[in-house]
Structures are given as structure tokens and as C-alpha cells.
Protein backbone atom coordinates (compact mmCIF):
# COMPACT_ATOMS: atom_id res chain seq x y z
CA UNK A 1 -40.04 -14.85 -7.56
CA UNK A 2 -36.34 -15.47 -8.24
CA UNK A 3 -36.14 -12.68 -10.81
CA UNK A 4 -37.91 -10.26 -8.47
CA UNK A 5 -35.38 -11.04 -5.75
CA UNK A 6 -32.54 -10.61 -8.24
CA UNK A 7 -33.98 -7.25 -9.32
CA UNK A 8 -34.07 -6.09 -5.69
CA UNK A 9 -30.47 -7.23 -5.11
CA UNK A 10 -29.27 -5.58 -8.33
CA UNK A 11 -31.01 -2.33 -7.44
CA UNK A 12 -29.52 -2.46 -3.95
CA UNK A 13 -26.06 -3.05 -5.40
CA UNK A 14 -26.51 -0.09 -7.75
CA UNK A 15 -27.48 2.16 -4.82
CA UNK A 16 -24.45 0.93 -2.89
CA UNK A 17 -22.19 1.87 -5.81
CA UNK A 18 -23.67 5.35 -5.98
CA UNK A 19 -23.10 5.73 -2.24
CA UNK A 20 -19.47 4.65 -2.57
CA UNK A 21 -18.74 6.97 -5.49
CA UNK A 22 -20.51 10.01 -4.02
CA UNK A 23 -19.93 9.70 -0.29
CA UNK A 24 -16.65 7.80 0.18
CA UNK A 25 -14.27 10.71 -0.21
CA UNK A 26 -13.96 10.45 -3.99
CA UNK A 27 -11.47 7.60 -3.42
CA UNK A 28 -11.72 6.47 -7.04
CA UNK A 29 -10.51 9.76 -8.57
CA UNK A 30 -6.79 9.04 -8.05
CA UNK A 31 -6.17 12.76 -7.58
CA UNK A 32 -3.86 12.69 -4.54
CA UNK A 33 -0.54 13.21 -6.31
CA UNK A 34 2.70 15.12 -5.78
CA UNK A 35 2.45 16.57 -9.30
CA UNK A 36 1.71 20.11 -8.14
CA UNK A 37 4.34 20.13 -5.37
CA UNK A 38 7.13 22.57 -6.23
CA UNK A 39 10.51 21.70 -4.68
CA UNK A 40 11.55 25.30 -4.04
CA UNK A 41 12.47 25.45 -0.36
CA UNK A 42 14.89 28.12 0.76
CA UNK A 43 16.52 25.73 3.21
CA UNK A 44 16.47 22.00 2.55
CA UNK A 45 16.25 19.51 5.43
CA UNK A 46 18.63 16.59 5.78
CA UNK A 47 17.24 13.07 5.43
CA UNK A 48 18.40 9.64 6.59
CA UNK A 49 16.96 6.72 4.60
CA UNK A 50 16.54 3.41 6.42
CA UNK A 51 16.13 0.31 4.24
CA UNK A 52 15.43 -3.08 5.85
CA UNK A 53 16.66 -5.86 3.57
CA UNK A 54 16.24 -9.61 3.88
CA UNK A 55 17.42 -11.66 0.90
CA UNK A 56 17.09 -8.75 -1.53
CA UNK A 57 20.22 -9.32 -3.62
CA UNK A 58 18.19 -9.08 -6.83
CA UNK A 59 17.00 -5.51 -6.21
CA UNK A 60 18.98 -3.83 -3.43
CA UNK A 61 21.59 -2.18 -5.67
CA UNK A 62 18.96 -0.71 -7.98
CA UNK A 63 16.93 0.53 -4.99
CA UNK A 64 19.89 2.21 -3.27
CA UNK A 65 21.22 3.66 -6.53
CA UNK A 66 17.87 5.32 -7.22
CA UNK A 67 18.26 7.24 -3.95
CA UNK A 68 21.88 8.15 -4.60
CA UNK A 69 20.85 9.65 -7.96
CA UNK A 70 18.22 11.93 -6.45
CA UNK A 71 18.72 15.61 -7.27
CA UNK A 72 18.15 16.47 -3.63
CA UNK A 73 19.72 19.61 -2.21
CA UNK A 74 19.75 18.48 1.40
CA UNK A 75 22.17 15.93 2.83
CA UNK A 76 21.11 12.31 2.31
CA UNK A 77 22.48 9.33 4.21
CA UNK A 78 21.40 5.75 3.52
CA UNK A 79 21.44 2.95 6.09
CA UNK A 80 20.70 -0.56 4.88
CA UNK A 81 19.92 -3.05 7.63
CA UNK A 82 20.81 -6.57 6.52
CA UNK A 83 18.13 -8.63 8.23
CA UNK A 84 20.02 -11.93 8.51
CA UNK A 85 20.02 -12.49 4.76
CA UNK A 86 21.05 -15.85 3.32
CA UNK A 87 22.16 -14.29 0.02
CA UNK A 88 24.69 -11.56 -0.86
CA UNK A 89 22.54 -8.56 0.05
CA UNK A 90 25.08 -7.14 2.52
CA UNK A 91 28.05 -7.74 0.22
CA UNK A 92 26.35 -5.93 -2.67
CA UNK A 93 25.68 -2.84 -0.55
CA UNK A 94 29.16 -2.86 0.99
CA UNK A 95 30.70 -2.88 -2.48
CA UNK A 96 28.87 0.25 -3.64
CA UNK A 97 31.70 2.55 -2.48
CA UNK A 98 29.69 5.63 -1.66
CA UNK A 99 30.31 7.40 1.65
CA UNK A 100 26.59 8.13 1.94
CA UNK A 101 25.73 4.43 2.14
CA UNK A 102 26.27 2.12 5.11
CA UNK A 103 25.17 -1.44 5.75
CA UNK A 104 24.73 -2.76 9.26
CA UNK A 105 24.10 -6.35 10.33
CA UNK A 106 20.79 -7.02 11.98
CA UNK A 107 20.62 -8.83 15.29
CA UNK A 108 18.54 -12.01 15.78
CA UNK A 109 14.80 -11.40 15.89
CA UNK A 110 13.50 -11.10 19.47
CA UNK A 111 10.07 -12.22 20.62
CA UNK A 112 7.06 -9.97 20.03
CA UNK A 113 8.68 -8.20 17.08
CA UNK A 114 7.81 -8.44 13.38
CA UNK A 115 10.98 -9.00 11.37
CA UNK A 116 10.74 -5.87 9.24
CA UNK A 117 10.01 -3.65 12.24
CA UNK A 118 12.97 -5.08 14.13
CA UNK A 119 15.26 -4.27 11.21
CA UNK A 120 13.79 -0.76 10.88
CA UNK A 121 14.17 -0.17 14.62
CA UNK A 122 17.86 -1.07 14.47
CA UNK A 123 18.38 1.26 11.52
CA UNK A 124 16.57 4.10 13.26
CA UNK A 125 18.58 3.59 16.45
CA UNK A 126 21.82 3.67 14.48
CA UNK A 127 20.71 6.79 12.61
CA UNK A 128 19.75 8.58 15.82
CA UNK A 129 23.18 7.92 17.28
CA UNK A 130 25.12 8.97 14.18
CA UNK A 131 22.91 11.75 12.76
CA UNK A 132 21.04 13.12 15.80
CA UNK A 133 20.14 16.48 14.22
CA UNK A 134 18.59 15.11 11.04
CA UNK A 135 14.89 16.12 11.00
CA UNK A 136 13.52 13.41 8.67
CA UNK A 137 13.68 9.68 8.16
CA UNK A 138 12.84 8.07 4.84
CA UNK A 139 11.53 4.57 5.48
CA UNK A 140 11.58 2.67 2.21
CA UNK A 141 11.97 -0.90 0.97
CA UNK A 142 14.78 -2.79 -0.70
CA UNK A 143 12.66 -3.48 -3.78
CA UNK A 144 11.61 0.10 -4.54
CA UNK A 145 13.18 2.24 -7.27
CA UNK A 146 12.51 5.95 -6.81
CA UNK A 147 12.28 8.33 -9.73
CA UNK A 148 14.49 11.41 -9.69
CA UNK A 149 12.96 14.35 -7.85
CA UNK A 150 10.74 12.24 -5.59
CA UNK A 151 12.72 12.96 -2.43
CA UNK A 152 12.72 16.69 -3.13
CA UNK A 153 8.93 16.67 -3.58
CA UNK A 154 8.42 14.63 -0.43
CA UNK A 155 10.56 17.04 1.59
CA UNK A 156 8.90 20.10 0.04
CA UNK A 157 5.46 18.67 0.83
CA UNK A 158 6.40 17.90 4.43
CA UNK A 159 8.11 21.24 5.07
CA UNK A 160 5.64 23.38 3.14
CA UNK A 161 2.58 21.97 4.91
CA UNK A 162 4.24 21.03 8.22
CA UNK A 163 3.31 17.37 7.88
CA UNK A 164 4.55 14.67 10.25
CA UNK A 165 4.29 11.91 7.67
CA UNK A 166 4.28 12.01 3.87
CA UNK A 167 3.81 8.70 2.11
CA UNK A 168 3.48 7.45 -1.44
CA UNK A 169 1.84 4.24 -2.60
CA UNK A 170 4.46 3.29 -5.16
CA UNK A 171 3.49 1.93 -8.56
CA UNK A 172 3.35 -1.85 -8.58
CA UNK A 173 4.58 -3.76 -11.60
CA UNK A 174 1.82 -4.29 -14.13
CA UNK A 175 3.34 -6.20 -17.05
CA UNK A 176 1.74 -9.65 -17.06
CA UNK A 177 -1.92 -10.49 -17.67
CA UNK A 178 -2.58 -11.34 -14.02
CA UNK A 179 -0.94 -8.10 -12.93
CA UNK A 180 -3.07 -6.10 -15.38
CA UNK A 181 -6.24 -7.77 -14.11
CA UNK A 182 -5.49 -7.65 -10.38
CA UNK A 183 -2.96 -4.93 -9.53
CA UNK A 184 -5.04 -1.84 -10.44
CA UNK A 185 -8.00 -3.26 -8.46
CA UNK A 186 -5.63 -3.83 -5.52
CA UNK A 187 -4.71 -0.13 -5.58
CA UNK A 188 -8.38 0.74 -6.09
CA UNK A 189 -9.51 -1.40 -3.12
CA UNK A 190 -6.84 0.13 -0.87
CA UNK A 191 -8.12 3.60 -1.75
CA UNK A 192 -11.68 2.47 -1.08
CA UNK A 193 -10.68 1.11 2.33
CA UNK A 194 -8.67 4.24 3.20
CA UNK A 195 -9.92 7.15 1.06
CA UNK A 196 -6.81 9.26 0.51
CA UNK A 197 -8.67 12.61 0.81
CA UNK A 198 -9.89 11.50 4.23
CA UNK A 199 -6.39 10.41 5.26
CA UNK A 200 -5.12 13.83 4.21
CA UNK A 201 -7.84 15.71 6.10
CA UNK A 202 -6.62 16.55 9.64
CA UNK A 203 -10.24 16.70 10.84
CA UNK A 204 -10.89 13.03 9.97
CA UNK A 205 -9.62 10.06 11.94
CA UNK A 206 -8.88 7.92 8.87
CA UNK A 207 -5.15 7.17 8.79
CA UNK A 208 -3.06 5.11 6.39
CA UNK A 209 0.35 5.02 4.75
CA UNK A 210 2.24 2.89 2.26
CA UNK A 211 5.36 1.24 3.62
CA UNK A 212 7.37 1.43 0.42
CA UNK A 213 7.86 5.18 0.76
CA UNK A 214 7.33 7.07 4.03
CA UNK A 215 9.04 10.34 4.94
CA UNK A 216 8.63 10.67 8.69
CA UNK A 217 9.40 13.69 10.83
CA UNK A 218 11.79 12.45 13.48
CA UNK A 219 10.11 14.45 16.25
CA UNK A 220 6.81 12.73 15.43
CA UNK A 221 8.42 9.31 15.66
CA UNK A 222 9.89 10.17 19.05
CA UNK A 223 6.50 11.50 20.19
CA UNK A 224 4.79 8.15 19.65
CA UNK A 225 7.58 6.19 21.34
CA UNK A 226 9.58 5.16 18.29
CA UNK A 227 9.29 2.06 16.14
CA UNK A 228 8.68 -0.09 19.24
CA UNK A 229 5.15 1.38 19.24
CA UNK A 230 4.38 -0.81 16.20
CA UNK A 231 6.92 -3.55 16.83
CA UNK A 232 4.57 -6.50 16.26
CA UNK A 233 2.38 -5.06 13.49
CA UNK A 234 2.26 -6.93 10.19
CA UNK A 235 0.54 -3.97 8.51
CA UNK A 236 3.11 -1.62 9.96
CA UNK A 237 2.63 1.32 7.59
CA UNK A 238 -1.02 1.94 8.47
CA UNK A 239 -0.25 1.32 12.14
CA UNK A 240 2.44 4.01 12.01
CA UNK A 241 0.06 6.45 10.35
CA UNK A 242 -2.64 5.75 12.93
CA UNK A 243 -0.16 6.41 15.74
CA UNK A 244 1.15 9.65 14.25
CA UNK A 245 -2.02 11.35 12.97
CA UNK A 246 -3.61 12.25 16.34
CA UNK A 247 -0.57 14.42 17.07
CA UNK A 248 0.04 15.93 13.63
CA UNK A 249 -1.21 15.96 10.03
CA UNK A 250 -0.21 13.28 7.53
CA UNK A 251 -0.50 12.93 3.76
CA UNK A 252 -0.81 9.88 1.51
CA UNK A 253 -0.69 9.95 -2.27
CA UNK A 254 -0.09 7.86 -5.36
CA UNK A 255 3.40 7.67 -6.82
CA UNK A 256 3.99 8.43 -10.47
CA UNK A 257 7.71 7.66 -10.83
CA UNK A 258 8.58 5.48 -7.81
CA UNK A 259 7.83 1.85 -8.52
CA UNK A 260 8.23 -1.63 -7.11
CA UNK A 261 10.85 -3.92 -8.62
CA UNK A 262 8.99 -6.98 -7.41
CA UNK A 263 6.85 -8.67 -10.05
CA UNK A 264 3.99 -11.15 -9.90
CA UNK A 265 4.18 -13.31 -13.00
CA UNK A 266 1.57 -15.76 -11.74
CA UNK A 267 -1.68 -15.59 -9.83
CA UNK A 268 -0.04 -17.35 -6.88
CA UNK A 269 2.31 -14.44 -6.24
CA UNK A 270 -0.52 -11.92 -5.95
CA UNK A 271 -2.54 -14.42 -3.93
CA UNK A 272 0.27 -14.76 -1.38
CA UNK A 273 0.70 -10.99 -1.17
CA UNK A 274 -2.97 -10.48 -0.29
CA UNK A 275 -3.44 -13.57 1.87
CA UNK A 276 -0.45 -12.57 3.99
CA UNK A 277 -2.25 -9.56 5.49
CA UNK A 278 -5.97 -9.62 4.63
CA UNK A 279 -7.04 -11.47 7.79
CA UNK A 280 -4.92 -9.15 9.91
CA UNK A 281 -6.55 -6.14 8.22
CA UNK A 282 -9.90 -7.58 9.32
CA UNK A 283 -8.64 -7.75 12.92
CA UNK A 284 -8.50 -11.55 12.74
CA UNK A 285 -12.28 -11.55 13.09
CA UNK A 286 -14.28 -14.41 11.58
CA UNK A 287 -17.36 -12.19 11.59
CA UNK A 288 -15.59 -9.46 9.62
CA UNK A 289 -14.33 -12.05 7.12
CA UNK A 290 -17.88 -13.27 6.59
CA UNK A 291 -19.29 -9.74 6.28
CA UNK A 292 -16.46 -8.71 3.94
CA UNK A 293 -17.01 -11.74 1.71
CA UNK A 294 -20.76 -11.15 1.51
CA UNK A 295 -20.15 -7.46 0.82
CA UNK A 296 -17.71 -8.19 -2.00
CA UNK A 297 -20.13 -10.62 -3.61
CA UNK A 298 -22.98 -8.12 -3.28
CA UNK A 299 -21.00 -5.30 -4.87
CA UNK A 300 -19.04 -7.14 -7.56
CA UNK A 301 -20.95 -10.34 -8.35
CA UNK A 302 -24.60 -9.31 -8.25
CA UNK A 303 -24.52 -6.80 -11.18
CA UNK A 304 -23.04 -9.16 -13.82
CA UNK A 305 -25.22 -12.05 -12.63
CA UNK A 306 -28.29 -9.82 -12.82
CA UNK A 307 -27.40 -8.70 -16.33
CA UNK A 308 -26.82 -12.25 -17.59
CA UNK A 309 -29.92 -13.75 -16.00
CA UNK A 310 -32.00 -10.72 -16.97
CA UNK A 311 -31.08 -11.19 -20.63
CA UNK A 312 -31.72 -14.94 -20.44
CA UNK A 313 -35.16 -14.37 -18.94
CA UNK A 314 -36.06 -11.19 -20.89
CA UNK A 315 -36.57 -9.26 -17.64
CA UNK A 316 -35.99 -5.60 -18.47
CA UNK A 317 -35.76 -4.36 -14.88
CA UNK A 318 -33.11 -6.91 -13.95
CA UNK A 319 -31.17 -6.15 -17.14
CA UNK A 320 -31.25 -2.39 -16.49
CA UNK A 321 -30.22 -2.62 -12.84
CA UNK A 322 -27.50 -5.18 -13.58
CA UNK A 323 -26.11 -3.24 -16.54
CA UNK A 324 -26.20 0.05 -14.62
CA UNK A 325 -24.40 -1.45 -11.62
CA UNK A 326 -21.73 -3.06 -13.77
CA UNK A 327 -21.26 0.17 -15.75
CA UNK A 328 -20.89 2.37 -12.68
CA UNK A 329 -18.46 -0.14 -11.21
CA UNK A 330 -16.39 -0.22 -14.41
CA UNK A 331 -16.29 3.56 -14.80
CA UNK A 332 -15.08 4.00 -11.22
CA UNK A 333 -11.81 2.12 -11.84
CA UNK A 334 -10.95 3.93 -15.08
CA UNK A 335 -8.81 6.63 -13.35
CA UNK A 336 -6.72 3.89 -11.71
CA UNK A 337 -6.26 2.10 -15.04
CA UNK A 338 -5.17 5.37 -16.66
CA UNK A 339 -2.68 5.97 -13.84
CA UNK A 340 -1.15 2.61 -14.74
CA UNK A 341 -1.29 3.26 -18.47
CA UNK A 342 -3.63 0.35 -19.13
CA UNK A 343 -6.45 0.01 -21.64
CA UNK A 344 -9.74 1.02 -20.03
CA UNK A 345 -11.27 -2.20 -21.40
CA UNK A 346 -9.85 -3.91 -18.32
CA UNK A 347 -12.52 -2.09 -16.32
CA UNK A 348 -15.14 -4.71 -17.25
CA UNK A 349 -13.05 -7.32 -15.42
CA UNK A 350 -13.42 -5.61 -12.05
CA UNK A 351 -16.05 -8.20 -10.97
CA UNK A 352 -13.49 -10.95 -11.60
CA UNK A 353 -10.94 -9.12 -9.42
CA UNK A 354 -13.54 -8.51 -6.72
CA UNK A 355 -14.47 -12.19 -6.55
CA UNK A 356 -10.82 -13.31 -6.49
CA UNK A 357 -9.91 -10.85 -3.73
CA UNK A 358 -12.90 -12.06 -1.73
CA UNK A 359 -11.64 -15.64 -2.01
CA UNK A 360 -8.12 -14.51 -1.14
CA UNK A 361 -9.47 -12.97 2.06
CA UNK A 362 -11.06 -16.27 3.06
CA UNK A 363 -7.78 -17.99 2.18
CA UNK A 364 -5.95 -15.54 4.45
CA UNK A 365 -8.17 -16.55 7.37
CA UNK A 366 -7.64 -20.25 6.66
CA UNK A 367 -3.87 -19.77 6.59
CA UNK A 368 -3.94 -17.97 9.92
CA UNK A 369 -6.03 -20.71 11.50
CA UNK A 370 -3.44 -23.25 10.31
CA UNK A 371 -0.62 -21.25 11.90
CA UNK A 372 0.75 -19.94 8.60
CA UNK A 373 -0.61 -16.41 8.67
CA UNK A 374 1.56 -13.49 7.65
CA UNK A 375 4.24 -15.81 6.26
CA UNK A 376 7.13 -13.90 4.70
CA UNK A 377 10.65 -15.12 3.97
CA UNK A 378 10.72 -17.90 6.51
CA UNK A 379 8.73 -16.12 9.21
CA UNK A 380 5.04 -16.16 10.03
CA UNK A 381 2.95 -14.00 12.32
CA UNK A 382 -0.18 -15.99 13.09
CA UNK A 383 -2.17 -14.98 16.14
């Protein structure tokens, strides 16, 4: 009886995997890239970059320098908003001695605002007053290093296809064992949640962006009411995309040369990153947490369990269904592993990542219930 039930579950999981791979926008292909974008505009638009920074002394200079080194033919101005840092973030930026870079001091955080959005709003307001005719804003983070040519490709993509938002999910660091096991699946899961081809299809409602690199058309930002439209959103990037897309097309892709300077040497760092927003992503719904957890176990845990128990009990059907499900699952993450330059052998560990991310989601809900949800640099955004 138990083996028959396991065979049914394994077969159901296998069917679910085929559905995901065939009917979920080809999310797993990792083919939404700026590689084919040719930066050959006749007239280049000007861009103002706004960088919110709170205690980012370790990375801010490298992040700003990567923008200053861009071979961009339009005018680029950089505004760093020091969000009440307790370290030397502001002093480091002020000492850079480049007329294109300014640092402004952020005001105290008001009620009903997320800290990052309040800093971004102040930077945008300052930019509007000083550079009112600039058509684009680059919203990026203080821990992101952009490869040369990225800004030109972003601008060419936006201008060439008349897009209101062009965003890149920057490459996360993938040096340690935990990063190798969990970071590619994180990127993979994000693509599964928001299939990039669907995001980039104007006829579909799916909208998403990646906050580390967003080139926004200024007119689109004004149309939605400015940053105040998403002032209290923890997952601000996807909220911005959802607000903009009904009025104009957007595009989201995977970065090849822009990367995060923030590393996760231990499991705890990745755990905190996910637990900070997972419950919010599930609309702070206990039901959705339960359904998500069951779904993750069904997709990622059932196939390896079926294979192991099938072998132990010499049940061919269970072995076949379990092995097939695990194989399809593993093959689907190979393009993401290749994007990150990792050995494809890591693909067999996707069930481990799936289980851990499921537990992290439950942990995110528990943190929110305890009043510690969304905690980041001394602030938390529990419901």
C-alpha cells in the first residue's frame, strides 16, 4: 500500500515537472540576456544614477567607480544617498573627487516608509530638481559592481524598444560551498516564480524586476506617482515593475558582467536573505506558506525519496518515476549552473536546496509573527 502511494506521488511529481518545464514560459532556459543588444544609438540619453547606501563603507567606492568607468556616451550623474550610516560611507564618497558624483545626507525615516525607498525617494527628488531634463534614472545598490558596457546596453535596450523599465538580476557571489549549493537555485526559483519571458511579454500581466539594477524611464515613474507609490514595500523592485507595466512595456534579464559584492560565507547569511522577504512574497498568508511548503516538498523531496525507497524495496515503478523526476529536475537547473560557471554535478543537489528554501520560508513566517520580519540593518518591517 505504501509503495503504491509513493508510486502515485512520484508519478504526480514527474507530471508536475513536465508541466513546469513545458508550460511555465521556459523559465529555466536562462535566455533573457543583453548579449545581443547593440549599443549603437545615434543620440544617447542622459542618465542619473541613484544609490541608497546605509553602512556600505566596504563596497560603496567599488560600486560607484564601476559606474564612473562605464564607456557610456550619454551624460551620467551619480547621487549617493547616505541613509544615516554609522560608518564612513558618506566620507568615502565625498573623497572621490569626481564632479559627476554627489553624496547627500538622508533625513530621518518617517512612518509608513521602508528605509531603502525613503533613501531612493530623496535621491530622486534631488535629481529631479537638479537634472529635470534627464530621461532616465538608474536605480542601483551600493554593493553592486557593474561591468563596462552595461549602462550602454541598458540604454540601448530601453531606447531601441521603447521600454519603461529595463532591469538586470545581477550575478550573486558564488564562491563558497553554501553559495554554490544555494545561490543558483535562488536565481532558478526567482525565474520560476516570475518567468522572465512572461515579464517581457507586454500581453502578459506578470511583472518583476531586480532592485540591484533598474533603468527607469522618468516619465513612467512620474506616471505612477513616483517612489511614494511603493514607499512601504519590502520587495520594492517587483512592486515598481507591477506599477509600471500596465502603462508601458518592461524587460527583465540576467546579468553577465554586473555582480554583487556581498558574499554569503555561511548558511546563515543566505538564510537571513531569504527569510527577510519570503513571507512578504507570500502576502503574509499562513495558507500560502502551508501550500508553498507542501508544494516544495512534493516537487523536490518526493522524487529522491521515491528513488531510494524504490531501490530498497525492489519496486521498479517507484524507481523509474523517482529517477525520472529527479533527472528532469536536475536537467532543468543546468542552464543556471552554466551561467554561473559551476560544475553541472551540483544539479543533483537541487532537492537539498528546495527543502532548505521551504524551511526558510516557514522561518520567514515565524520571524514575522515574532515582530522581526523584514529585518535589515537595524530596521524591521513586520506587519
